[in-house]
Amino acid sequence: MKMATRKDLLKQGAIWGFIVLELAFFSIAGNYLSVTDTAFMDFDNMLLLLKQSAPIGIIALGMTIIMINGNIDLSVGATFALAAIVMLDSMTWPFMQNLGDWAIPLAWGFALLTGVVLGAINGLIVWKTGVDAFIVTLGSMLGFRGLVFMYNGEQPTSHLNWTLVDFAEAQFLGLHTASWFLLGVALILWLVMTKTVHGRNAYAIGNNRDAAVNAGIRVGPHFLLNFMLIGFLAALSAVVFYSESGSVNPNDGMLYELWAITAVVLGGTKLAGGYGSIISTLGGVIAIQLLRKGLGHIGADTETVNLVIGLILIAVLFLDRQLNRKGKEELKI
């Protein structure tokens, strides 16, 4: 990979500068508008924020690779819900109940396998048909969500296992289990994207797919592997989250794909592919969670939170277009 340019470094650092501005603004505004007595930058509050970032964050990190490839996956929310249902329901199966707590790793395995299989379905269709990933995953989003409702109707699937709860609520060095999963996934994917041939190929394919093919990169299998990866991560997100909650509703995970894409774009990844950063996506996830938590801290309702994040996303996309405009494509302000 070529060395980062000054513009690249500026774009990667922008999200962290935005986070600093958020912290400063909500800390000051909270002194006058806070609906609670807790300081916004309270240490425990920040640790909780990182934990709450994990479900969307783990998915967003996988979405980064998909989008660097020049693709997108709209089915991750439905995959998240179906994997959660498989995990919790499998623990009620007779042979699983006979295993006691040894059923837990098996249930995790069933959930993760579900995510990998659903991701493989998306990847194979994109590879073998050549249909745009947006269309393929839009269809699979509806199809997978249909499977969620077929599995257990409109009833929630519940199974509370206290060993699982203890695991999910455990803390090490002050960080919750979910936070460690988020940071661990970020580290592994950062290494993959910066230190491996697979990562270099992802950027090459996103930059120019035809040139990548001419260079001998097997684009189809590469797509398949990445869709399997994001399916795995959507399922892993479900495993982490529902190990603690123990109950999943059929509508859970809806709009997760949009939140994940928003975090990825806010972190600077191009929708057209070829550019992106795992670490910047992590920043995008934290920035969104800070916005949601900060606006709630000063008394804003959910509609206001969504409006503000939507406007910021539009502004980021417009700025990205301005930074990357060329010749006749230049926009006039």
C-alpha atoms as a PDB file:
ATOM      1  CA  MET A   1       0.000   0.000   0.000  1.00  0.00           C
ATOM      2  CA  LYS A   2       1.203   3.496  -0.763  1.00  0.00           C
ATOM      3  CA  MET A   3       2.023   5.885   2.042  1.00  0.00           C
ATOM      4  CA  ALA A   4      -0.811   8.070   3.304  1.00  0.00           C
ATOM      5  CA  THR A   5      -0.944  11.551   1.792  1.00  0.00           C
ATOM      6  CA  ARG A   6      -1.465  14.710   3.813  1.00  0.00           C
ATOM      7  CA  LYS A   7      -5.104  14.746   2.685  1.00  0.00           C
ATOM      8  CA  ASP A   8      -5.529  11.122   3.857  1.00  0.00           C
ATOM      9  CA  LEU A   9      -4.077  11.939   7.270  1.00  0.00           C
ATOM     10  CA  LEU A  10      -6.365  14.962   7.539  1.00  0.00           C
ATOM     11  CA  LYS A  11      -9.421  12.873   6.720  1.00  0.00           C
ATOM     12  CA  GLN A  12      -8.442  10.140   9.166  1.00  0.00           C
ATOM     13  CA  GLY A  13      -7.840  12.647  11.958  1.00  0.00           C
ATOM     14  CA  ALA A  14     -11.010  14.644  11.304  1.00  0.00           C
ATOM     15  CA  ILE A  15     -13.296  12.172  13.053  1.00  0.00           C
ATOM     16  CA  TRP A  16     -11.207  12.259  16.237  1.00  0.00           C
ATOM     17  CA  GLY A  17     -11.230  16.058  16.165  1.00  0.00           C
ATOM     18  CA  PHE A  18     -15.006  15.896  15.846  1.00  0.00           C
ATOM     19  CA  ILE A  19     -15.151  13.612  18.901  1.00  0.00           C
ATOM     20  CA  VAL A  20     -13.127  16.136  20.924  1.00  0.00           C
ATOM     21  CA  LEU A  21     -15.569  18.879  19.883  1.00  0.00           C
ATOM     22  CA  GLU A  22     -18.519  16.683  20.917  1.00  0.00           C
ATOM     23  CA  LEU A  23     -17.014  16.031  24.335  1.00  0.00           C
ATOM     24  CA  ALA A  24     -16.336  19.724  24.879  1.00  0.00           C
ATOM     25  CA  PHE A  25     -19.786  20.837  23.683  1.00  0.00           C
ATOM     26  CA  PHE A  26     -21.839  18.331  25.664  1.00  0.00           C
ATOM     27  CA  SER A  27     -19.724  18.820  28.783  1.00  0.00           C
ATOM     28  CA  ILE A  28     -20.358  22.583  28.689  1.00  0.00           C
ATOM     29  CA  ALA A  29     -23.990  22.344  27.544  1.00  0.00           C
ATOM     30  CA  GLY A  30     -24.654  19.684  30.175  1.00  0.00           C
ATOM     31  CA  ASN A  31     -23.857  22.177  32.923  1.00  0.00           C
ATOM     32  CA  TYR A  32     -26.887  24.226  31.846  1.00  0.00           C
ATOM     33  CA  LEU A  33     -29.265  21.807  30.095  1.00  0.00           C
ATOM     34  CA  SER A  34     -28.600  18.386  31.634  1.00  0.00           C
ATOM     35  CA  VAL A  35     -31.664  16.415  32.708  1.00  0.00           C
ATOM     36  CA  THR A  36     -29.520  14.358  35.138  1.00  0.00           C
ATOM     37  CA  ASP A  37     -27.057  15.143  37.901  1.00  0.00           C
ATOM     38  CA  THR A  38     -24.290  13.064  36.259  1.00  0.00           C
ATOM     39  CA  ALA A  39     -21.448  14.854  34.479  1.00  0.00           C
ATOM     40  CA  PHE A  40     -21.321  13.969  30.787  1.00  0.00           C
ATOM     41  CA  MET A  41     -17.630  13.072  30.832  1.00  0.00           C
ATOM     42  CA  ASP A  42     -17.942  10.967  33.973  1.00  0.00           C
ATOM     43  CA  PHE A  43     -15.478   8.058  33.646  1.00  0.00           C
ATOM     44  CA  ASP A  44     -18.101   5.358  34.196  1.00  0.00           C
ATOM     45  CA  ASN A  45     -20.327   7.123  31.680  1.00  0.00           C
ATOM     46  CA  MET A  46     -17.593   6.898  29.034  1.00  0.00           C
ATOM     47  CA  LEU A  47     -16.972   3.212  29.764  1.00  0.00           C
ATOM     48  CA  LEU A  48     -20.694   2.538  29.388  1.00  0.00           C
ATOM     49  CA  LEU A  49     -20.710   4.484  26.117  1.00  0.00           C
ATOM     50  CA  LEU A  50     -17.987   2.227  24.695  1.00  0.00           C
ATOM     51  CA  LYS A  51     -19.955  -0.850  25.743  1.00  0.00           C
ATOM     52  CA  GLN A  52     -23.117   0.518  24.107  1.00  0.00           C
ATOM     53  CA  SER A  53     -21.152   1.164  20.915  1.00  0.00           C
ATOM     54  CA  ALA A  54     -20.236  -2.510  20.547  1.00  0.00           C
ATOM     55  CA  PRO A  55     -23.299  -3.990  18.743  1.00  0.00           C
ATOM     56  CA  ILE A  56     -23.297  -1.454  15.897  1.00  0.00           C
ATOM     57  CA  GLY A  57     -19.526  -1.052  16.065  1.00  0.00           C
ATOM     58  CA  ILE A  58     -18.659  -4.692  15.395  1.00  0.00           C
ATOM     59  CA  ILE A  59     -20.955  -4.676  12.359  1.00  0.00           C
ATOM     60  CA  ALA A  60     -19.633  -1.311  11.139  1.00  0.00           C
ATOM     61  CA  LEU A  61     -16.046  -2.582  11.200  1.00  0.00           C
ATOM     62  CA  GLY A  62     -17.017  -5.405   8.858  1.00  0.00           C
ATOM     63  CA  MET A  63     -19.036  -2.997   6.712  1.00  0.00           C
ATOM     64  CA  THR A  64     -15.867  -0.938   6.256  1.00  0.00           C
ATOM     65  CA  ILE A  65     -14.168  -3.778   4.387  1.00  0.00           C
ATOM     66  CA  ILE A  66     -17.273  -4.388   2.273  1.00  0.00           C
ATOM     67  CA  MET A  67     -17.460  -0.700   1.335  1.00  0.00           C
ATOM     68  CA  ILE A  68     -13.723  -0.421   0.627  1.00  0.00           C
ATOM     69  CA  ASN A  69     -14.395  -3.234  -1.857  1.00  0.00           C
ATOM     70  CA  GLY A  70     -17.002  -1.023  -3.532  1.00  0.00           C
ATOM     71  CA  ASN A  71     -19.911  -3.102  -2.230  1.00  0.00           C
ATOM     72  CA  ILE A  72     -22.502  -2.729   0.533  1.00  0.00           C
ATOM     73  CA  ASP A  73     -24.513  -5.107   2.743  1.00  0.00           C
ATOM     74  CA  LEU A  74     -28.058  -4.139   3.712  1.00  0.00           C
ATOM     75  CA  SER A  75     -28.871  -7.508   5.280  1.00  0.00           C
ATOM     76  CA  VAL A  76     -26.730  -7.249   8.429  1.00  0.00           C
ATOM     77  CA  GLY A  77     -29.644  -6.233  10.679  1.00  0.00           C
ATOM     78  CA  ALA A  78     -31.683  -9.278   9.686  1.00  0.00           C
ATOM     79  CA  THR A  79     -28.589 -11.499  10.025  1.00  0.00           C
ATOM     80  CA  PHE A  80     -28.050 -10.057  13.504  1.00  0.00           C
ATOM     81  CA  ALA A  81     -31.619 -10.942  14.553  1.00  0.00           C
ATOM     82  CA  LEU A  82     -31.616 -14.439  13.030  1.00  0.00           C
ATOM     83  CA  ALA A  83     -28.266 -15.339  14.611  1.00  0.00           C
ATOM     84  CA  ALA A  84     -29.569 -14.173  17.996  1.00  0.00           C
ATOM     85  CA  ILE A  85     -32.705 -16.295  17.668  1.00  0.00           C
ATOM     86  CA  VAL A  86     -30.657 -19.351  16.697  1.00  0.00           C
ATOM     87  CA  MET A  87     -28.357 -18.856  19.693  1.00  0.00           C
ATOM     88  CA  LEU A  88     -31.112 -18.452  22.284  1.00  0.00           C
ATOM     89  CA  ASP A  89     -33.473 -21.048  20.837  1.00  0.00           C
ATOM     90  CA  SER A  90     -30.750 -23.681  20.426  1.00  0.00           C
ATOM     91  CA  MET A  91     -30.118 -23.577  24.172  1.00  0.00           C
ATOM     92  CA  THR A  92     -33.661 -24.876  24.733  1.00  0.00           C
ATOM     93  CA  TRP A  93     -33.190 -27.945  22.533  1.00  0.00           C
ATOM     94  CA  PRO A  94     -33.330 -31.156  24.637  1.00  0.00           C
ATOM     95  CA  PHE A  95     -29.808 -32.391  23.842  1.00  0.00           C
ATOM     96  CA  MET A  96     -28.418 -28.913  24.519  1.00  0.00           C
ATOM     97  CA  GLN A  97     -30.143 -28.689  27.895  1.00  0.00           C
ATOM     98  CA  ASN A  98     -28.547 -31.985  28.880  1.00  0.00           C
ATOM     99  CA  LEU A  99     -25.112 -30.418  28.330  1.00  0.00           C
ATOM    100  CA  GLY A 100     -25.604 -27.729  30.960  1.00  0.00           C
ATOM    101  CA  ASP A 101     -23.227 -24.784  30.538  1.00  0.00           C
ATOM    102  CA  TRP A 102     -21.259 -26.746  27.937  1.00  0.00           C
ATOM    103  CA  ALA A 103     -24.127 -25.889  25.597  1.00  0.00           C
ATOM    104  CA  ILE A 104     -23.013 -22.246  25.585  1.00  0.00           C
ATOM    105  CA  PRO A 105     -20.056 -22.590  23.159  1.00  0.00           C
ATOM    106  CA  LEU A 106     -22.216 -24.801  20.923  1.00  0.00           C
ATOM    107  CA  ALA A 107     -24.978 -22.177  20.882  1.00  0.00           C
ATOM    108  CA  TRP A 108     -22.398 -19.523  20.010  1.00  0.00           C
ATOM    109  CA  GLY A 109     -21.127 -21.779  17.236  1.00  0.00           C
ATOM    110  CA  PHE A 110     -24.623 -22.263  15.796  1.00  0.00           C
ATOM    111  CA  ALA A 111     -25.177 -18.487  15.786  1.00  0.00           C
ATOM    112  CA  LEU A 112     -21.814 -17.710  14.172  1.00  0.00           C
ATOM    113  CA  LEU A 113     -22.329 -20.446  11.575  1.00  0.00           C
ATOM    114  CA  THR A 114     -25.716 -18.901  10.758  1.00  0.00           C
ATOM    115  CA  GLY A 115     -24.038 -15.566  10.074  1.00  0.00           C
ATOM    116  CA  VAL A 116     -21.338 -17.144   7.903  1.00  0.00           C
ATOM    117  CA  VAL A 117     -23.906 -19.098   5.842  1.00  0.00           C
ATOM    118  CA  LEU A 118     -26.092 -16.035   5.260  1.00  0.00           C
ATOM    119  CA  GLY A 119     -23.034 -14.011   4.289  1.00  0.00           C
ATOM    120  CA  ALA A 120     -21.930 -16.776   1.913  1.00  0.00           C
ATOM    121  CA  ILE A 121     -25.341 -16.675   0.212  1.00  0.00           C
ATOM    122  CA  ASN A 122     -24.915 -12.960  -0.441  1.00  0.00           C
ATOM    123  CA  GLY A 123     -21.330 -13.374  -1.608  1.00  0.00           C
ATOM    124  CA  LEU A 124     -22.101 -16.240  -3.980  1.00  0.00           C
ATOM    125  CA  ILE A 125     -24.973 -14.370  -5.614  1.00  0.00           C
ATOM    126  CA  VAL A 126     -22.870 -11.218  -6.074  1.00  0.00           C
ATOM    127  CA  TRP A 127     -19.985 -13.297  -7.435  1.00  0.00           C
ATOM    128  CA  LYS A 128     -21.852 -15.658  -9.740  1.00  0.00           C
ATOM    129  CA  THR A 129     -24.554 -13.327 -11.098  1.00  0.00           C
ATOM    130  CA  GLY A 130     -22.680 -10.028 -11.251  1.00  0.00           C
ATOM    131  CA  VAL A 131     -25.727  -8.265  -9.808  1.00  0.00           C
ATOM    132  CA  ASP A 132     -24.877  -5.162  -7.771  1.00  0.00           C
ATOM    133  CA  ALA A 133     -24.456  -5.917  -4.055  1.00  0.00           C
ATOM    134  CA  PHE A 134     -26.974  -3.198  -3.168  1.00  0.00           C
ATOM    135  CA  ILE A 135     -29.741  -5.066  -5.034  1.00  0.00           C
ATOM    136  CA  VAL A 136     -28.655  -8.502  -3.808  1.00  0.00           C
ATOM    137  CA  THR A 137     -28.503  -7.528  -0.146  1.00  0.00           C
ATOM    138  CA  LEU A 138     -31.708  -5.489  -0.362  1.00  0.00           C
ATOM    139  CA  GLY A 139     -33.440  -8.695  -1.423  1.00  0.00           C
ATOM    140  CA  SER A 140     -31.673 -10.779   1.212  1.00  0.00           C
ATOM    141  CA  MET A 141     -32.543  -8.191   3.866  1.00  0.00           C
ATOM    142  CA  LEU A 142     -36.217  -8.862   3.176  1.00  0.00           C
ATOM    143  CA  GLY A 143     -35.697 -12.605   2.800  1.00  0.00           C
ATOM    144  CA  PHE A 144     -33.641 -13.032   5.973  1.00  0.00           C
ATOM    145  CA  ARG A 145     -36.110 -10.903   7.938  1.00  0.00           C
ATOM    146  CA  GLY A 146     -38.840 -13.200   6.632  1.00  0.00           C
ATOM    147  CA  LEU A 147     -36.904 -16.159   8.058  1.00  0.00           C
ATOM    148  CA  VAL A 148     -36.786 -14.367  11.405  1.00  0.00           C
ATOM    149  CA  PHE A 149     -40.579 -14.130  11.498  1.00  0.00           C
ATOM    150  CA  MET A 150     -41.027 -17.671  10.178  1.00  0.00           C
ATOM    151  CA  TYR A 151     -38.788 -19.026  12.933  1.00  0.00           C
ATOM    152  CA  ASN A 152     -40.936 -17.947  15.851  1.00  0.00           C
ATOM    153  CA  GLY A 153     -43.803 -15.881  14.468  1.00  0.00           C
ATOM    154  CA  GLU A 154     -44.068 -12.477  16.080  1.00  0.00           C
ATOM    155  CA  GLN A 155     -43.191 -13.782  19.529  1.00  0.00           C
ATOM    156  CA  PRO A 156     -39.890 -12.973  21.245  1.00  0.00           C
ATOM    157  CA  THR A 157     -37.347 -15.752  21.654  1.00  0.00           C
ATOM    158  CA  SER A 158     -36.019 -15.848  25.206  1.00  0.00           C
ATOM    159  CA  HIS A 159     -33.571 -17.895  27.227  1.00  0.00           C
ATOM    160  CA  LEU A 160     -31.761 -16.322  30.153  1.00  0.00           C
ATOM    161  CA  ASN A 161     -28.613 -18.177  31.163  1.00  0.00           C
ATOM    162  CA  TRP A 162     -26.907 -16.680  34.203  1.00  0.00           C
ATOM    163  CA  THR A 163     -23.496 -17.985  33.196  1.00  0.00           C
ATOM    164  CA  LEU A 164     -23.893 -16.083  29.938  1.00  0.00           C
ATOM    165  CA  VAL A 165     -25.068 -12.992  31.801  1.00  0.00           C
ATOM    166  CA  ASP A 166     -22.074 -13.132  34.143  1.00  0.00           C
ATOM    167  CA  PHE A 167     -19.759 -13.454  31.142  1.00  0.00           C
ATOM    168  CA  ALA A 168     -21.385 -10.524  29.318  1.00  0.00           C
ATOM    169  CA  GLU A 169     -21.370  -8.264  32.373  1.00  0.00           C
ATOM    170  CA  ALA A 170     -17.815  -9.106  33.436  1.00  0.00           C
ATOM    171  CA  GLN A 171     -15.180  -6.364  33.470  1.00  0.00           C
ATOM    172  CA  PHE A 172     -11.442  -6.598  32.927  1.00  0.00           C
ATOM    173  CA  LEU A 173      -9.237  -3.552  33.452  1.00  0.00           C
ATOM    174  CA  GLY A 174     -12.428  -1.531  33.766  1.00  0.00           C
ATOM    175  CA  LEU A 175     -13.790  -2.499  30.344  1.00  0.00           C
ATOM    176  CA  HIS A 176     -16.899  -4.636  29.837  1.00  0.00           C
ATOM    177  CA  THR A 177     -16.821  -7.832  27.796  1.00  0.00           C
ATOM    178  CA  ALA A 178     -18.593  -6.143  24.863  1.00  0.00           C
ATOM    179  CA  SER A 179     -15.979  -3.383  24.799  1.00  0.00           C
ATOM    180  CA  TRP A 180     -13.161  -5.929  24.612  1.00  0.00           C
ATOM    181  CA  PHE A 181     -14.880  -7.667  21.701  1.00  0.00           C
ATOM    182  CA  LEU A 182     -15.236  -4.345  19.873  1.00  0.00           C
ATOM    183  CA  LEU A 183     -11.593  -3.384  20.419  1.00  0.00           C
ATOM    184  CA  GLY A 184     -10.379  -6.889  19.609  1.00  0.00           C
ATOM    185  CA  VAL A 185     -12.274  -6.992  16.312  1.00  0.00           C
ATOM    186  CA  ALA A 186     -10.959  -3.511  15.453  1.00  0.00           C
ATOM    187  CA  LEU A 187      -7.359  -4.600  16.090  1.00  0.00           C
ATOM    188  CA  ILE A 188      -7.671  -7.809  14.054  1.00  0.00           C
ATOM    189  CA  LEU A 189      -9.338  -6.106  11.087  1.00  0.00           C
ATOM    190  CA  TRP A 190      -6.817  -3.247  11.195  1.00  0.00           C
ATOM    191  CA  LEU A 191      -4.028  -5.812  10.924  1.00  0.00           C
ATOM    192  CA  VAL A 192      -5.829  -7.584   8.075  1.00  0.00           C
ATOM    193  CA  MET A 193      -6.342  -4.371   6.116  1.00  0.00           C
ATOM    194  CA  THR A 194      -2.865  -2.919   6.656  1.00  0.00           C
ATOM    195  CA  LYS A 195      -0.568  -5.942   6.888  1.00  0.00           C
ATOM    196  CA  THR A 196      -1.987  -8.633   4.576  1.00  0.00           C
ATOM    197  CA  VAL A 197      -2.403  -9.289   0.864  1.00  0.00           C
ATOM    198  CA  HIS A 198      -6.148  -9.589   1.396  1.00  0.00           C
ATOM    199  CA  GLY A 199      -6.284  -6.026   2.713  1.00  0.00           C
ATOM    200  CA  ARG A 200      -4.216  -4.650  -0.166  1.00  0.00           C
ATOM    201  CA  ASN A 201      -6.447  -6.484  -2.627  1.00  0.00           C
ATOM    202  CA  ALA A 202      -9.554  -4.975  -1.026  1.00  0.00           C
ATOM    203  CA  TYR A 203      -8.275  -1.451  -1.751  1.00  0.00           C
ATOM    204  CA  ALA A 204      -7.153  -2.414  -5.240  1.00  0.00           C
ATOM    205  CA  ILE A 205     -10.547  -3.883  -6.147  1.00  0.00           C
ATOM    206  CA  GLY A 206     -12.383  -0.870  -4.775  1.00  0.00           C
ATOM    207  CA  ASN A 207     -10.152   1.533  -6.707  1.00  0.00           C
ATOM    208  CA  ASN A 208     -10.470  -0.212 -10.074  1.00  0.00           C
ATOM    209  CA  ARG A 209     -12.128  -3.603 -10.369  1.00  0.00           C
ATOM    210  CA  ASP A 210     -11.085  -4.175 -13.987  1.00  0.00           C
ATOM    211  CA  ALA A 211      -7.472  -3.362 -13.221  1.00  0.00           C
ATOM    212  CA  ALA A 212      -7.598  -5.739 -10.244  1.00  0.00           C
ATOM    213  CA  VAL A 213      -8.844  -8.547 -12.497  1.00  0.00           C
ATOM    214  CA  ASN A 214      -6.104  -7.817 -15.027  1.00  0.00           C
ATOM    215  CA  ALA A 215      -3.572  -7.935 -12.182  1.00  0.00           C
ATOM    216  CA  GLY A 216      -4.655 -11.488 -11.410  1.00  0.00           C
ATOM    217  CA  ILE A 217      -6.720 -10.826  -8.284  1.00  0.00           C
ATOM    218  CA  ARG A 218      -9.564 -13.336  -7.934  1.00  0.00           C
ATOM    219  CA  VAL A 219     -12.302 -10.792  -7.319  1.00  0.00           C
ATOM    220  CA  GLY A 220     -15.221 -13.230  -6.952  1.00  0.00           C
ATOM    221  CA  PRO A 221     -13.698 -15.385  -4.172  1.00  0.00           C
ATOM    222  CA  HIS A 222     -12.474 -12.170  -2.518  1.00  0.00           C
ATOM    223  CA  PHE A 223     -16.055 -10.833  -2.426  1.00  0.00           C
ATOM    224  CA  LEU A 224     -17.316 -14.170  -1.077  1.00  0.00           C
ATOM    225  CA  LEU A 225     -14.813 -14.149   1.773  1.00  0.00           C
ATOM    226  CA  ASN A 226     -15.683 -10.585   2.779  1.00  0.00           C
ATOM    227  CA  PHE A 227     -19.424 -11.214   2.753  1.00  0.00           C
ATOM    228  CA  MET A 228     -18.845 -14.292   4.921  1.00  0.00           C
ATOM    229  CA  LEU A 229     -16.757 -12.096   7.228  1.00  0.00           C
ATOM    230  CA  ILE A 230     -19.461  -9.467   7.682  1.00  0.00           C
ATOM    231  CA  GLY A 231     -22.043 -12.213   8.228  1.00  0.00           C
ATOM    232  CA  PHE A 232     -19.791 -13.649  10.925  1.00  0.00           C
ATOM    233  CA  LEU A 233     -19.380 -10.225  12.545  1.00  0.00           C
ATOM    234  CA  ALA A 234     -23.137  -9.531  12.495  1.00  0.00           C
ATOM    235  CA  ALA A 235     -23.626 -12.855  14.270  1.00  0.00           C
ATOM    236  CA  LEU A 236     -20.771 -12.104  16.689  1.00  0.00           C
ATOM    237  CA  SER A 237     -22.457  -8.796  17.523  1.00  0.00           C
ATOM    238  CA  ALA A 238     -25.648 -10.715  18.312  1.00  0.00           C
ATOM    239  CA  VAL A 239     -23.745 -13.216  20.462  1.00  0.00           C
ATOM    240  CA  VAL A 240     -22.165 -10.421  22.490  1.00  0.00           C
ATOM    241  CA  PHE A 241     -25.381  -8.446  22.927  1.00  0.00           C
ATOM    242  CA  TYR A 242     -27.894 -11.236  23.587  1.00  0.00           C
ATOM    243  CA  SER A 243     -25.659 -13.160  25.945  1.00  0.00           C
ATOM    244  CA  GLU A 244     -26.577 -10.413  28.387  1.00  0.00           C
ATOM    245  CA  SER A 245     -30.170  -9.560  27.445  1.00  0.00           C
ATOM    246  CA  GLY A 246     -31.405 -13.116  26.861  1.00  0.00           C
ATOM    247  CA  SER A 247     -34.405 -12.085  24.743  1.00  0.00           C
ATOM    248  CA  VAL A 248     -34.704 -11.156  21.058  1.00  0.00           C
ATOM    249  CA  ASN A 249     -37.730  -9.721  19.250  1.00  0.00           C
ATOM    250  CA  PRO A 250     -38.333 -10.350  15.515  1.00  0.00           C
ATOM    251  CA  ASN A 251     -37.861  -6.643  14.758  1.00  0.00           C
ATOM    252  CA  ASP A 252     -34.526  -6.392  16.547  1.00  0.00           C
ATOM    253  CA  GLY A 253     -31.669  -5.227  14.360  1.00  0.00           C
ATOM    254  CA  MET A 254     -33.855  -3.133  12.066  1.00  0.00           C
ATOM    255  CA  LEU A 255     -31.980  -0.079  10.749  1.00  0.00           C
ATOM    256  CA  TYR A 256     -28.691  -1.495  12.046  1.00  0.00           C
ATOM    257  CA  GLU A 257     -27.443  -1.511   8.469  1.00  0.00           C
ATOM    258  CA  LEU A 258     -28.127   2.223   8.196  1.00  0.00           C
ATOM    259  CA  TRP A 259     -26.433   3.023  11.511  1.00  0.00           C
ATOM    260  CA  ALA A 260     -23.420   0.929  10.490  1.00  0.00           C
ATOM    261  CA  ILE A 261     -23.151   2.598   7.071  1.00  0.00           C
ATOM    262  CA  THR A 262     -23.488   6.022   8.718  1.00  0.00           C
ATOM    263  CA  ALA A 263     -20.605   5.229  11.084  1.00  0.00           C
ATOM    264  CA  VAL A 264     -18.440   3.984   8.214  1.00  0.00           C
ATOM    265  CA  VAL A 265     -19.092   7.062   6.063  1.00  0.00           C
ATOM    266  CA  LEU A 266     -18.633   9.380   9.038  1.00  0.00           C
ATOM    267  CA  GLY A 267     -15.238   7.726   9.509  1.00  0.00           C
ATOM    268  CA  GLY A 268     -14.261   8.760   5.986  1.00  0.00           C
ATOM    269  CA  THR A 269     -14.754   5.580   3.934  1.00  0.00           C
ATOM    270  CA  LYS A 270     -15.794   6.324   0.351  1.00  0.00           C
ATOM    271  CA  LEU A 271     -19.149   4.969  -0.810  1.00  0.00           C
ATOM    272  CA  ALA A 272     -17.552   4.332  -4.210  1.00  0.00           C
ATOM    273  CA  GLY A 273     -14.854   2.138  -2.643  1.00  0.00           C
ATOM    274  CA  GLY A 274     -11.080   2.161  -2.692  1.00  0.00           C
ATOM    275  CA  TYR A 275     -10.540   4.201   0.460  1.00  0.00           C
ATOM    276  CA  GLY A 276     -11.326   3.682   4.128  1.00  0.00           C
ATOM    277  CA  SER A 277      -9.881   3.050   7.563  1.00  0.00           C
ATOM    278  CA  ILE A 278     -10.832   0.599  10.300  1.00  0.00           C
ATOM    279  CA  ILE A 279      -9.604   2.961  13.019  1.00  0.00           C
ATOM    280  CA  SER A 280     -11.563   5.883  11.547  1.00  0.00           C
ATOM    281  CA  THR A 281     -14.706   3.736  11.452  1.00  0.00           C
ATOM    282  CA  LEU A 282     -14.196   3.016  15.153  1.00  0.00           C
ATOM    283  CA  GLY A 283     -14.099   6.770  15.602  1.00  0.00           C
ATOM    284  CA  GLY A 284     -17.302   7.107  13.579  1.00  0.00           C
ATOM    285  CA  VAL A 285     -19.038   4.583  15.824  1.00  0.00           C
ATOM    286  CA  ILE A 286     -17.933   6.413  18.970  1.00  0.00           C
ATOM    287  CA  ALA A 287     -18.929   9.784  17.467  1.00  0.00           C
ATOM    288  CA  ILE A 288     -22.460   8.570  16.732  1.00  0.00           C
ATOM    289  CA  GLN A 289     -22.852   7.080  20.191  1.00  0.00           C
ATOM    290  CA  LEU A 290     -21.558  10.317  21.710  1.00  0.00           C
ATOM    291  CA  LEU A 291     -24.142  12.268  19.722  1.00  0.00           C
ATOM    292  CA  ARG A 292     -26.967   9.979  20.805  1.00  0.00           C
ATOM    293  CA  LYS A 293     -25.891   9.990  24.416  1.00  0.00           C
ATOM    294  CA  GLY A 294     -24.987  13.689  24.490  1.00  0.00           C
ATOM    295  CA  LEU A 295     -28.248  14.867  22.957  1.00  0.00           C
ATOM    296  CA  GLY A 296     -30.143  12.648  25.372  1.00  0.00           C
ATOM    297  CA  HIS A 297     -28.063  14.111  28.207  1.00  0.00           C
ATOM    298  CA  ILE A 298     -29.349  17.609  27.406  1.00  0.00           C
ATOM    299  CA  GLY A 299     -32.942  16.453  26.973  1.00  0.00           C
ATOM    300  CA  ALA A 300     -33.306  15.966  23.192  1.00  0.00           C
ATOM    301  CA  ASP A 301     -35.856  13.375  22.019  1.00  0.00           C
ATOM    302  CA  THR A 302     -35.163  10.482  19.633  1.00  0.00           C
ATOM    303  CA  GLU A 303     -36.495  12.367  16.599  1.00  0.00           C
ATOM    304  CA  THR A 304     -34.079  15.238  17.226  1.00  0.00           C
ATOM    305  CA  VAL A 305     -31.164  12.820  17.623  1.00  0.00           C
ATOM    306  CA  ASN A 306     -31.940  11.163  14.270  1.00  0.00           C
ATOM    307  CA  LEU A 307     -32.370  14.544  12.567  1.00  0.00           C
ATOM    308  CA  VAL A 308     -29.018  15.839  13.823  1.00  0.00           C
ATOM    309  CA  ILE A 309     -27.133  12.677  12.839  1.00  0.00           C
ATOM    310  CA  GLY A 310     -28.814  12.704   9.414  1.00  0.00           C
ATOM    311  CA  LEU A 311     -27.802  16.317   8.791  1.00  0.00           C
ATOM    312  CA  ILE A 312     -24.233  15.615   9.888  1.00  0.00           C
ATOM    313  CA  LEU A 313     -24.053  12.615   7.535  1.00  0.00           C
ATOM    314  CA  ILE A 314     -25.231  14.756   4.605  1.00  0.00           C
ATOM    315  CA  ALA A 315     -22.628  17.395   5.490  1.00  0.00           C
ATOM    316  CA  VAL A 316     -19.868  14.749   5.637  1.00  0.00           C
ATOM    317  CA  LEU A 317     -20.857  13.316   2.243  1.00  0.00           C
ATOM    318  CA  PHE A 318     -20.910  16.794   0.719  1.00  0.00           C
ATOM    319  CA  LEU A 319     -17.495  17.589   2.205  1.00  0.00           C
ATOM    320  CA  ASP A 320     -16.108  14.302   0.896  1.00  0.00           C
ATOM    321  CA  ARG A 321     -17.364  15.188  -2.572  1.00  0.00           C
ATOM    322  CA  GLN A 322     -15.692  18.595  -2.365  1.00  0.00           C
ATOM    323  CA  LEU A 323     -12.370  17.119  -1.238  1.00  0.00           C
ATOM    324  CA  ASN A 324     -12.385  14.602  -4.084  1.00  0.00           C
ATOM    325  CA  ARG A 325     -13.845  16.677  -6.901  1.00  0.00           C
ATOM    326  CA  LYS A 326     -12.001  16.849 -10.190  1.00  0.00           C
ATOM    327  CA  GLY A 327     -12.317  19.045 -13.247  1.00  0.00           C
ATOM    328  CA  LYS A 328     -15.842  19.150 -14.638  1.00  0.00           C
ATOM    329  CA  GLU A 329     -17.194  17.244 -11.657  1.00  0.00           C
ATOM    330  CA  GLU A 330     -16.483  20.241  -9.441  1.00  0.00           C
ATOM    331  CA  LEU A 331     -19.507  21.488  -7.548  1.00  0.00           C
ATOM    332  CA  LYS A 332     -20.354  25.152  -7.385  1.00  0.00           C
ATOM    333  CA  ILE A 333     -21.306  26.547  -3.997  1.00  0.00           C
END
